[in-house]
Amino acid sequence: MEARSMSKIKVGLMGFGEIGRDFYRLSLDQPEMEVVAISDIGRTDILHYLLKTDGRDPVDAALEGNYLVVGDQKARLIHGVAPKDVPWDAFDVDVVIDSTHKYRTRKALQAHLDSGAKRVILGSLPQDEIDRVIVMGVNDETMQASDTIVSAASATTNALALMLDNIDKAFGVESAMMTTIHAYTSDQPLRDTAAADFRRSRSAAENIIPNVNISPYWMEQILPRFKGKIEGSALNVPVPMGSLLDLTCVLAKADTTAEEVNEAMRKAAASLAGYIEVTEDPIVSSDVIGNAHSLLFDTKGTMKSSKRMVKTLSWYDNSLGQAGRLVDLALAYGKLGVEGGAA
């Protein structure tokens, strides 16, 4: 494997929705990285408009023809519907971040590589087997230079993996049940309308909607020691951003106190400062908006029931937290390089 040169990691973005825009914002603070091309089905002037008005910190970007320009960085805006539509080789792209949530199979993602990208990082969970699913701070040591199609998991999976891994290391986890109380998503209707699923046909703005969640399945792949030990579900609620992980664990260590659990998470936050943060304040969902950690552990939410059952609450910004991990993963793989050549 050749060592990577000192040039910036050239990034192509597929999908300029919430996570794509948050990734772009965060990338501007990374001197080792530059977004050189952005593919989306939207009009360029509207994409530029949303970057300034979507409720996040507005980006002082100019729209010059088909380019977003910030300082000396220029990103070409491309109207691309599918991965095969974008000539990534024309922009010498090192890595594509696919945040569309639409293309999640190996076959679909392979089209990015066929179009000239050297590596693809999926911004959500895959639908079939890819090279690797990485949760930063949990299994990032498994990364290989030969990985070309990888996933940064999902915001919920990142939060769950960090919680389970650290609680298990501190006390042992015999079994666990999770519920994510999740902000509504862009694929839910704002008014009741017929969809493929009964409950997801109901208005996201008016209801608490029970939903399936595949994070427990992927937890068994990321941390095989939890196979058969974890189940869970989701409740989509009428808030636009800011989600909560409700995790109940049966611990191997009897008579563990709530304060001992809190102290274990404070120690975890100290060693994984980029991924875990702890709050001692009585916060609510809007207070986590703008926090790029994967997990904001709420010490006031920890409860003890019986000798070995503990319930915890942890918050996460389901867009910015995920975008932060995509940036981290792109940088980590950029340093690792690509087997057979520079990344």
Protein backbone atom coordinates (compact mmCIF):
# COMPACT_ATOMS: atom_id res chain seq x y z
CA MET A 1 0.00 0.00 0.00
CA GLU A 2 1.36 3.39 -0.98
CA ALA A 3 1.46 6.15 1.60
CA ARG A 4 -1.06 8.90 1.02
CA SER A 5 0.28 12.25 -0.19
CA MET A 6 -0.29 15.46 1.75
CA SER A 7 -3.04 16.55 -0.65
CA LYS A 8 -6.57 16.98 0.63
CA ILE A 9 -9.07 14.14 0.63
CA LYS A 10 -11.42 14.93 -2.25
CA VAL A 11 -15.01 14.15 -1.32
CA GLY A 12 -18.07 13.68 -3.50
CA LEU A 13 -21.47 14.06 -1.84
CA MET A 14 -24.47 12.11 -3.11
CA GLY A 15 -27.55 13.64 -1.52
CA PHE A 16 -27.69 17.19 -0.14
CA GLY A 17 -30.44 16.74 2.42
CA GLU A 18 -30.03 17.34 6.16
CA ILE A 19 -27.10 14.97 6.65
CA GLY A 20 -25.44 16.01 3.38
CA ARG A 21 -25.64 19.69 4.27
CA ASP A 22 -24.40 19.03 7.81
CA PHE A 23 -21.48 17.03 6.39
CA TYR A 24 -20.64 19.92 4.07
CA ARG A 25 -20.71 22.41 6.96
CA LEU A 26 -18.43 20.25 9.10
CA SER A 27 -16.06 19.58 6.19
CA LEU A 28 -15.35 23.29 5.85
CA ASP A 29 -13.56 23.13 9.22
CA GLN A 30 -11.37 20.22 8.12
CA PRO A 31 -8.12 21.36 6.45
CA GLU A 32 -7.44 17.76 5.31
CA MET A 33 -10.71 17.49 3.37
CA GLU A 34 -12.52 19.24 0.54
CA VAL A 35 -15.94 18.57 -0.98
CA VAL A 36 -15.38 18.91 -4.73
CA ALA A 37 -18.71 17.68 -6.12
CA ILE A 38 -22.29 17.47 -4.83
CA SER A 39 -24.99 15.43 -6.55
CA ASP A 40 -28.68 15.96 -5.81
CA ILE A 41 -32.00 15.94 -7.65
CA GLY A 42 -32.81 19.47 -6.45
CA ARG A 43 -32.33 22.76 -8.28
CA THR A 44 -28.96 24.37 -7.60
CA ASP A 45 -30.49 27.66 -6.44
CA ILE A 46 -32.75 25.86 -3.95
CA LEU A 47 -29.85 23.74 -2.62
CA HIS A 48 -27.91 26.97 -2.08
CA TYR A 49 -30.94 28.57 -0.41
CA LEU A 50 -31.38 25.66 2.03
CA LEU A 51 -27.74 25.88 3.04
CA LYS A 52 -28.50 29.35 4.36
CA THR A 53 -32.00 28.85 5.77
CA ASP A 54 -32.44 25.29 7.09
CA GLY A 55 -32.12 26.22 10.77
CA ARG A 56 -28.46 25.33 11.14
CA ASP A 57 -25.62 27.83 11.18
CA PRO A 58 -25.89 29.48 7.74
CA VAL A 59 -22.94 28.90 5.42
CA ASP A 60 -21.59 32.01 3.71
CA ALA A 61 -21.42 30.27 0.36
CA ALA A 62 -21.69 31.95 -3.03
CA LEU A 63 -23.44 30.28 -5.95
CA GLU A 64 -21.32 30.87 -9.03
CA GLY A 65 -22.93 29.11 -11.96
CA ASN A 66 -23.05 25.43 -10.94
CA TYR A 67 -20.49 25.83 -8.15
CA LEU A 68 -20.84 26.40 -4.41
CA VAL A 69 -17.91 28.60 -3.41
CA VAL A 70 -16.64 29.13 0.13
CA GLY A 71 -13.27 30.87 0.28
CA ASP A 72 -10.92 28.95 -1.97
CA GLN A 73 -13.13 25.83 -1.99
CA LYS A 74 -15.38 25.12 -4.97
CA ALA A 75 -17.89 22.27 -5.11
CA ARG A 76 -19.58 21.46 -8.43
CA LEU A 77 -23.35 20.93 -8.15
CA ILE A 78 -24.57 18.09 -10.34
CA HIS A 79 -28.10 16.92 -11.10
CA GLY A 80 -27.70 13.20 -10.40
CA VAL A 81 -30.51 10.78 -9.68
CA ALA A 82 -28.58 7.51 -9.28
CA PRO A 83 -24.93 6.69 -8.45
CA LYS A 84 -24.21 5.81 -12.08
CA ASP A 85 -25.17 9.34 -13.17
CA VAL A 86 -22.17 11.08 -11.61
CA PRO A 87 -18.69 11.05 -13.26
CA TRP A 88 -16.70 11.02 -10.03
CA ASP A 89 -13.48 10.38 -11.96
CA ALA A 90 -13.81 13.80 -13.61
CA PHE A 91 -13.36 15.33 -10.15
CA ASP A 92 -10.66 12.88 -9.00
CA VAL A 93 -12.88 11.95 -6.04
CA ASP A 94 -11.27 9.85 -3.30
CA VAL A 95 -14.43 9.02 -1.39
CA VAL A 96 -18.15 9.38 -2.03
CA ILE A 97 -20.48 10.00 0.92
CA ASP A 98 -23.88 8.58 -0.06
CA SER A 99 -26.43 10.20 2.26
CA THR A 100 -29.48 9.68 0.05
CA HIS A 101 -30.86 6.82 2.24
CA LYS A 102 -32.02 5.38 -1.10
CA TYR A 103 -29.06 3.37 -2.37
CA ARG A 104 -28.15 0.86 0.33
CA THR A 105 -27.19 -2.36 -1.48
CA ARG A 106 -23.71 -3.40 -2.58
CA LYS A 107 -24.85 -3.46 -6.22
CA ALA A 108 -26.23 0.08 -6.09
CA LEU A 109 -23.19 1.46 -4.26
CA GLN A 110 -20.77 -0.31 -6.62
CA ALA A 111 -21.92 2.16 -9.31
CA HIS A 112 -20.06 4.92 -7.44
CA LEU A 113 -16.84 2.91 -7.80
CA ASP A 114 -17.59 2.14 -11.44
CA SER A 115 -17.94 5.90 -11.98
CA GLY A 116 -14.46 6.56 -10.64
CA ALA A 117 -14.71 6.89 -6.84
CA LYS A 118 -12.05 5.00 -4.90
CA ARG A 119 -14.25 4.34 -1.86
CA VAL A 120 -17.90 4.76 -0.82
CA ILE A 121 -19.15 5.54 2.68
CA LEU A 122 -22.84 4.98 3.24
CA GLY A 123 -24.54 7.43 5.59
CA SER A 124 -27.11 4.88 6.76
CA LEU A 125 -27.31 1.15 7.43
CA PRO A 126 -26.95 -1.17 4.40
CA GLN A 127 -29.59 -3.58 3.15
CA ASP A 128 -27.15 -6.39 2.39
CA GLU A 129 -23.55 -7.34 3.03
CA ILE A 130 -20.88 -4.72 2.37
CA ASP A 131 -17.22 -4.61 3.39
CA ARG A 132 -17.73 -3.13 6.85
CA VAL A 133 -20.10 -1.25 9.16
CA ILE A 134 -18.12 1.06 11.45
CA VAL A 135 -19.16 2.77 14.67
CA MET A 136 -16.42 5.22 15.59
CA GLY A 137 -15.19 4.61 19.11
CA VAL A 138 -16.44 1.02 19.09
CA ASN A 139 -15.06 -1.04 16.19
CA ASP A 140 -13.05 1.42 14.09
CA GLU A 141 -9.92 -0.63 14.79
CA THR A 142 -11.29 -3.23 12.33
CA MET A 143 -10.94 -0.91 9.30
CA GLN A 144 -8.86 -2.30 6.42
CA ALA A 145 -7.29 -0.58 3.42
CA SER A 146 -9.08 -3.12 1.23
CA ASP A 147 -12.51 -1.80 2.32
CA THR A 148 -14.17 0.02 -0.57
CA ILE A 149 -17.88 -0.03 0.37
CA VAL A 150 -18.46 0.77 4.04
CA SER A 151 -21.16 2.25 6.28
CA ALA A 152 -21.03 4.70 9.17
CA ALA A 153 -24.12 2.88 10.55
CA SER A 154 -26.98 5.16 11.65
CA ALA A 155 -27.33 7.80 14.34
CA THR A 156 -29.34 5.42 16.51
CA THR A 157 -26.90 2.55 15.97
CA ASN A 158 -23.95 4.76 16.89
CA ALA A 159 -25.64 5.83 20.12
CA LEU A 160 -26.71 2.28 20.98
CA ALA A 161 -23.31 0.73 20.26
CA LEU A 162 -21.48 3.30 22.38
CA MET A 163 -23.88 2.79 25.29
CA LEU A 164 -23.86 -1.02 25.19
CA ASP A 165 -20.12 -1.33 24.67
CA ASN A 166 -19.26 0.89 27.62
CA ILE A 167 -21.91 -0.41 30.02
CA ASP A 168 -20.92 -3.97 29.17
CA LYS A 169 -17.23 -3.26 29.79
CA ALA A 170 -18.04 -1.70 33.14
CA PHE A 171 -20.68 -4.08 34.51
CA GLY A 172 -21.49 -6.81 31.96
CA VAL A 173 -24.80 -6.80 30.07
CA GLU A 174 -26.82 -10.01 30.09
CA SER A 175 -29.69 -8.62 27.98
CA ALA A 176 -31.03 -5.28 26.85
CA MET A 177 -34.10 -3.60 25.37
CA MET A 178 -33.91 -0.30 23.51
CA THR A 179 -36.44 2.24 22.28
CA THR A 180 -35.44 5.21 20.21
CA ILE A 181 -37.82 8.14 20.60
CA HIS A 182 -36.95 9.56 17.23
CA ALA A 183 -37.68 12.82 15.44
CA TYR A 184 -39.85 12.34 12.39
CA THR A 185 -38.05 11.70 9.12
CA SER A 186 -38.34 13.05 5.58
CA ASP A 187 -39.96 9.85 4.28
CA GLN A 188 -42.96 10.24 6.63
CA PRO A 189 -46.08 12.14 5.48
CA LEU A 190 -47.10 15.32 7.27
CA ARG A 191 -50.76 14.45 6.60
CA ASP A 192 -52.48 11.05 6.69
CA THR A 193 -51.95 9.38 3.32
CA ALA A 194 -51.91 5.79 2.08
CA ALA A 195 -48.43 4.26 2.26
CA ALA A 196 -46.97 0.76 2.27
CA ASP A 197 -47.31 0.48 6.05
CA PHE A 198 -50.42 1.15 8.17
CA ARG A 199 -48.81 3.21 10.91
CA ARG A 200 -46.44 5.05 8.59
CA SER A 201 -49.50 6.18 6.63
CA ARG A 202 -50.38 8.48 9.53
CA SER A 203 -49.33 12.09 9.94
CA ALA A 204 -45.81 12.49 11.40
CA ALA A 205 -46.70 15.97 12.62
CA GLU A 206 -49.69 14.83 14.68
CA ASN A 207 -48.87 11.41 16.12
CA ILE A 208 -46.48 9.24 18.10
CA ILE A 209 -45.91 6.45 15.58
CA PRO A 210 -44.53 3.04 16.61
CA ASN A 211 -41.94 1.88 14.11
CA VAL A 212 -39.45 -0.93 13.58
CA ASN A 213 -35.76 -0.31 14.15
CA ILE A 214 -32.97 -2.46 12.76
CA SER A 215 -30.23 -1.20 15.07
CA PRO A 216 -30.46 -4.31 17.33
CA TYR A 217 -29.78 -6.57 14.33
CA TRP A 218 -26.73 -4.56 13.33
CA MET A 219 -25.55 -4.45 16.92
CA GLU A 220 -25.06 -8.21 16.69
CA GLN A 221 -22.87 -7.70 13.60
CA ILE A 222 -20.84 -4.83 15.02
CA LEU A 223 -20.48 -6.36 18.51
CA PRO A 224 -21.04 -10.12 18.09
CA ARG A 225 -20.98 -10.67 21.86
CA PHE A 226 -24.50 -9.19 21.95
CA LYS A 227 -25.99 -11.84 19.66
CA GLY A 228 -29.35 -12.88 21.08
CA LYS A 229 -29.14 -10.30 23.87
CA ILE A 230 -30.68 -7.14 22.36
CA GLU A 231 -34.10 -6.21 20.97
CA GLY A 232 -35.69 -2.87 20.27
CA SER A 233 -38.09 -0.61 18.43
CA ALA A 234 -38.73 3.02 17.59
CA LEU A 235 -41.30 5.68 18.32
CA ASN A 236 -41.34 8.49 15.78
CA VAL A 237 -42.58 11.65 17.49
CA PRO A 238 -43.68 15.08 16.22
CA VAL A 239 -40.41 16.96 16.66
CA PRO A 240 -38.22 17.83 13.65
CA MET A 241 -34.85 17.16 15.28
CA GLY A 242 -33.40 15.75 18.48
CA SER A 243 -33.82 12.10 19.43
CA LEU A 244 -33.60 10.04 22.62
CA LEU A 245 -32.26 6.53 23.24
CA ASP A 246 -34.07 4.76 26.08
CA LEU A 247 -31.99 1.70 27.00
CA THR A 248 -32.77 -0.84 29.72
CA CYS A 249 -30.05 -3.34 30.59
CA VAL A 250 -29.99 -6.40 32.84
CA LEU A 251 -26.49 -6.24 34.29
CA ALA A 252 -24.25 -9.15 35.21
CA LYS A 253 -22.93 -7.21 38.20
CA ALA A 254 -25.60 -7.24 40.91
CA ASP A 255 -26.37 -4.23 43.12
CA THR A 256 -24.86 -1.72 40.69
CA THR A 257 -26.11 1.74 41.61
CA ALA A 258 -27.39 4.45 39.29
CA GLU A 259 -24.48 6.67 40.30
CA GLU A 260 -21.98 3.94 39.40
CA VAL A 261 -23.53 3.76 35.93
CA ASN A 262 -23.29 7.55 35.61
CA GLU A 263 -19.68 7.50 36.70
CA ALA A 264 -18.86 4.78 34.16
CA MET A 265 -20.31 6.96 31.39
CA ARG A 266 -18.37 10.00 32.63
CA LYS A 267 -15.19 7.94 32.30
CA ALA A 268 -16.26 6.75 28.84
CA ALA A 269 -16.85 10.38 27.79
CA ALA A 270 -13.37 11.32 28.99
CA SER A 271 -11.76 8.61 26.85
CA LEU A 272 -14.07 9.06 23.84
CA ALA A 273 -14.47 12.82 23.94
CA GLY A 274 -15.30 13.15 20.25
CA TYR A 275 -18.18 10.69 20.43
CA ILE A 276 -19.67 10.78 23.95
CA GLU A 277 -20.61 13.76 26.07
CA VAL A 278 -22.32 13.80 29.47
CA THR A 279 -24.87 16.32 30.69
CA GLU A 280 -25.79 16.81 34.33
CA ASP A 281 -28.54 19.29 33.41
CA PRO A 282 -32.30 18.57 33.09
CA ILE A 283 -32.35 18.98 29.30
CA VAL A 284 -35.06 18.33 26.69
CA SER A 285 -34.84 17.31 23.03
CA SER A 286 -34.27 20.78 21.57
CA ASP A 287 -31.20 21.21 23.79
CA VAL A 288 -29.28 18.52 21.87
CA ILE A 289 -29.80 20.21 18.50
CA GLY A 290 -26.42 21.34 17.20
CA ASN A 291 -24.46 18.77 19.22
CA ALA A 292 -22.23 16.70 16.93
CA HIS A 293 -21.49 13.92 19.47
CA SER A 294 -22.99 10.51 18.80
CA LEU A 295 -24.28 10.36 22.36
CA LEU A 296 -25.20 12.93 25.01
CA PHE A 297 -25.65 10.85 28.16
CA ASP A 298 -28.25 12.21 30.60
CA THR A 299 -27.20 11.47 34.18
CA LYS A 300 -30.58 12.60 35.52
CA GLY A 301 -32.32 9.90 33.47
CA THR A 302 -30.55 6.90 35.03
CA MET A 303 -32.85 4.65 37.08
CA LYS A 304 -32.26 1.43 38.99
CA SER A 305 -34.94 -1.28 39.31
CA SER A 306 -34.35 -4.51 41.23
CA LYS A 307 -30.80 -5.72 41.76
CA ARG A 308 -29.61 -5.83 38.18
CA MET A 309 -31.90 -3.77 35.93
CA VAL A 310 -30.82 -0.26 34.92
CA LYS A 311 -32.56 2.22 32.62
CA THR A 312 -30.61 5.02 30.91
CA LEU A 313 -31.48 7.99 28.69
CA SER A 314 -29.17 9.42 26.04
CA TRP A 315 -29.80 12.19 23.51
CA TYR A 316 -28.52 12.70 19.97
CA ASP A 317 -28.93 15.11 17.09
CA ASN A 318 -29.87 12.53 14.48
CA SER A 319 -28.47 14.54 11.55
CA LEU A 320 -25.44 16.41 12.86
CA GLY A 321 -24.25 13.47 14.97
CA GLN A 322 -24.34 11.21 11.92
CA ALA A 323 -22.64 13.81 9.73
CA GLY A 324 -19.88 14.12 12.31
CA ARG A 325 -19.17 10.41 12.16
CA LEU A 326 -19.14 10.47 8.36
CA VAL A 327 -16.47 13.18 8.51
CA ASP A 328 -14.47 11.16 11.06
CA LEU A 329 -14.73 7.98 9.01
CA ALA A 330 -13.73 9.69 5.77
CA LEU A 331 -10.67 11.17 7.47
CA ALA A 332 -9.75 7.83 9.08
CA TYR A 333 -9.96 5.95 5.80
CA GLY A 334 -8.09 8.76 4.05
CA LYS A 335 -5.17 8.20 6.41
CA LEU A 336 -5.42 4.45 5.93
CA GLY A 337 -5.34 4.70 2.14
CA VAL A 338 -6.65 2.25 -0.45
CA GLU A 339 -5.08 -1.16 -0.96
CA GLY A 340 -2.94 -0.97 -4.07
CA GLY A 341 -2.70 2.82 -4.18
CA ALA A 342 -3.27 6.16 -2.50
CA ALA A 343 -6.76 7.00 -1.31
